[in-house]
Amino acid sequence: MADTAAYSRKNEAIHDAEMARVIAAESRDEGESRATSELYSALVEHRGSLSGDGKITDQDAAFSESVRREASRRSAEITAYRQTSSQLTPVDGKPIPRWLIIAWAIAVLAAVIAILLLLR
C-alpha cells in the first residue's frame, strides 16, 4: 500500500514537472504562466470533488428526496388534469342565426341614429 502511494506521488511529480514545462512553453508571458499553473494546481488539488467522487451529505440527500417527492406529486397532478380535461365533451358549434345578427345590426343602427338626433 505504501509502495502504491509512493509510486502515485512520484508519478504525479513527473506529470507536474512535465505540465510545468508545457505551460511555460505555451504561455505568452509570466503572468499567464503563473495563472495557468495556479489553475492547474487547483484542479489537481480538488480532483476528487470535481470528478463526482465526493459523498452526498445527509442534508443534500434529504433535500434531493424532498425535491423528488414534490416533482412526483406535481407530475401526478398534471397527469390527472390531462385525463379529466380530455374527457370533457366538446361543445356543438352551431352557427349564430342570421335573424339574430340582423336584429343586432338594427339595434346598433337605431342607437347611432338616436344619439345623432339627440346631439342636434
Protein backbone atom coordinates (compact mmCIF):
# COMPACT_ATOMS: atom_id res chain seq x y z
CA MET A 1 0.00 0.00 0.00
CA ALA A 2 2.84 2.38 0.88
CA ASP A 3 4.60 1.47 -2.38
CA THR A 4 1.47 2.37 -4.35
CA ALA A 5 1.16 5.76 -2.63
CA ALA A 6 4.86 6.50 -3.18
CA TYR A 7 4.58 5.49 -6.84
CA SER A 8 1.50 7.68 -7.23
CA ARG A 9 3.26 10.71 -5.69
CA LYS A 10 6.32 10.11 -7.90
CA ASN A 11 4.12 9.79 -10.98
CA GLU A 12 2.26 13.00 -10.08
CA ALA A 13 5.57 14.82 -9.56
CA ILE A 14 6.79 13.74 -13.01
CA HIS A 15 3.46 14.74 -14.54
CA ASP A 16 3.52 18.10 -12.72
CA ALA A 17 7.07 18.83 -13.94
CA GLU A 18 6.07 17.92 -17.49
CA MET A 19 2.94 20.10 -17.23
CA ALA A 20 5.04 23.00 -15.88
CA ARG A 21 7.30 22.77 -18.95
CA VAL A 22 4.29 22.74 -21.28
CA ILE A 23 2.71 25.71 -19.50
CA ALA A 24 5.96 27.68 -19.66
CA ALA A 25 6.39 26.90 -23.36
CA GLU A 26 2.80 27.76 -24.34
CA SER A 27 2.33 30.92 -22.22
CA ARG A 28 2.75 34.34 -23.78
CA ASP A 29 4.15 35.96 -20.63
CA GLU A 30 4.99 35.28 -16.99
CA GLY A 31 1.54 36.38 -15.74
CA GLU A 32 -0.27 33.94 -18.00
CA SER A 33 2.14 31.17 -17.00
CA ARG A 34 1.57 31.82 -13.29
CA ALA A 35 -2.23 31.99 -13.70
CA THR A 36 -2.29 28.75 -15.69
CA SER A 37 -0.06 27.00 -13.14
CA GLU A 38 -2.31 28.11 -10.28
CA LEU A 39 -5.39 26.93 -12.14
CA TYR A 40 -3.78 23.56 -12.86
CA SER A 41 -2.72 23.20 -9.20
CA ALA A 42 -6.25 23.97 -8.02
CA LEU A 43 -7.70 21.41 -10.43
CA VAL A 44 -5.26 18.73 -9.26
CA GLU A 45 -5.90 19.56 -5.60
CA HIS A 46 -9.69 19.33 -5.95
CA ARG A 47 -9.73 16.44 -8.42
CA GLY A 48 -11.84 14.24 -6.15
CA SER A 49 -14.65 16.73 -5.68
CA LEU A 50 -14.63 17.72 -9.36
CA SER A 51 -14.87 14.15 -10.60
CA GLY A 52 -18.04 13.48 -8.64
CA ASP A 53 -16.38 11.08 -6.21
CA GLY A 54 -17.47 13.24 -3.29
CA LYS A 55 -20.11 11.92 -0.94
CA ILE A 56 -23.57 13.46 -0.76
CA THR A 57 -24.21 14.76 2.73
CA ASP A 58 -27.32 13.70 4.63
CA GLN A 59 -28.78 17.19 4.23
CA ASP A 60 -28.25 17.11 0.45
CA ALA A 61 -29.76 13.64 0.27
CA ALA A 62 -32.81 14.77 2.26
CA PHE A 63 -33.19 17.82 0.03
CA SER A 64 -32.88 15.70 -3.10
CA GLU A 65 -35.52 13.33 -1.77
CA SER A 66 -37.91 16.20 -0.99
CA VAL A 67 -37.40 17.62 -4.50
CA ARG A 68 -38.08 14.18 -5.99
CA ARG A 69 -41.27 13.77 -3.93
CA GLU A 70 -42.53 17.23 -4.92
CA ALA A 71 -41.77 16.60 -8.61
CA SER A 72 -43.56 13.26 -8.43
CA ARG A 73 -46.60 14.84 -6.76
CA ARG A 74 -46.74 17.64 -9.33
CA SER A 75 -46.39 15.14 -12.18
CA ALA A 76 -49.33 13.17 -10.78
CA GLU A 77 -51.42 16.37 -10.59
CA ILE A 78 -50.64 17.24 -14.20
CA THR A 79 -51.44 13.71 -15.37
CA ALA A 80 -54.77 13.75 -13.50
CA TYR A 81 -55.66 17.13 -15.00
CA ARG A 82 -54.87 15.93 -18.51
CA GLN A 83 -57.11 12.90 -18.04
CA THR A 84 -60.07 14.97 -16.81
CA SER A 85 -59.63 17.68 -19.43
CA SER A 86 -59.50 15.14 -22.24
CA GLN A 87 -62.80 13.64 -21.01
CA LEU A 88 -64.72 16.91 -21.39
CA THR A 89 -67.40 16.73 -24.04
CA PRO A 90 -66.88 19.09 -26.93
CA VAL A 91 -69.45 21.84 -27.41
CA ASP A 92 -71.56 21.54 -30.52
CA GLY A 93 -70.52 24.60 -32.53
CA LYS A 94 -73.79 25.80 -34.02
CA PRO A 95 -73.59 28.99 -36.11
CA ILE A 96 -75.28 32.18 -34.94
CA PRO A 97 -78.69 32.54 -36.61
CA ARG A 98 -78.93 35.22 -39.32
CA TRP A 99 -82.02 36.78 -37.74
CA LEU A 100 -80.02 37.43 -34.55
CA ILE A 101 -77.22 39.13 -36.50
CA ILE A 102 -79.77 41.29 -38.36
CA ALA A 103 -81.52 42.19 -35.07
CA TRP A 104 -78.21 43.30 -33.51
CA ALA A 105 -77.35 45.37 -36.60
CA ILE A 106 -80.76 47.09 -36.46
CA ALA A 107 -80.36 47.76 -32.71
CA VAL A 108 -76.89 49.27 -33.19
CA LEU A 109 -78.11 51.37 -36.14
CA ALA A 110 -81.09 52.59 -34.07
CA ALA A 111 -78.78 53.54 -31.19
CA VAL A 112 -76.50 55.51 -33.53
CA ILE A 113 -79.48 57.35 -35.07
CA ALA A 114 -80.87 58.14 -31.60
CA ILE A 115 -77.54 59.58 -30.46
CA LEU A 116 -77.23 61.67 -33.63
CA LEU A 117 -80.78 63.03 -33.17
CA LEU A 118 -80.05 63.93 -29.55
CA LEU A 119 -76.88 65.82 -30.49
CA ARG A 120 -78.74 68.12 -32.93
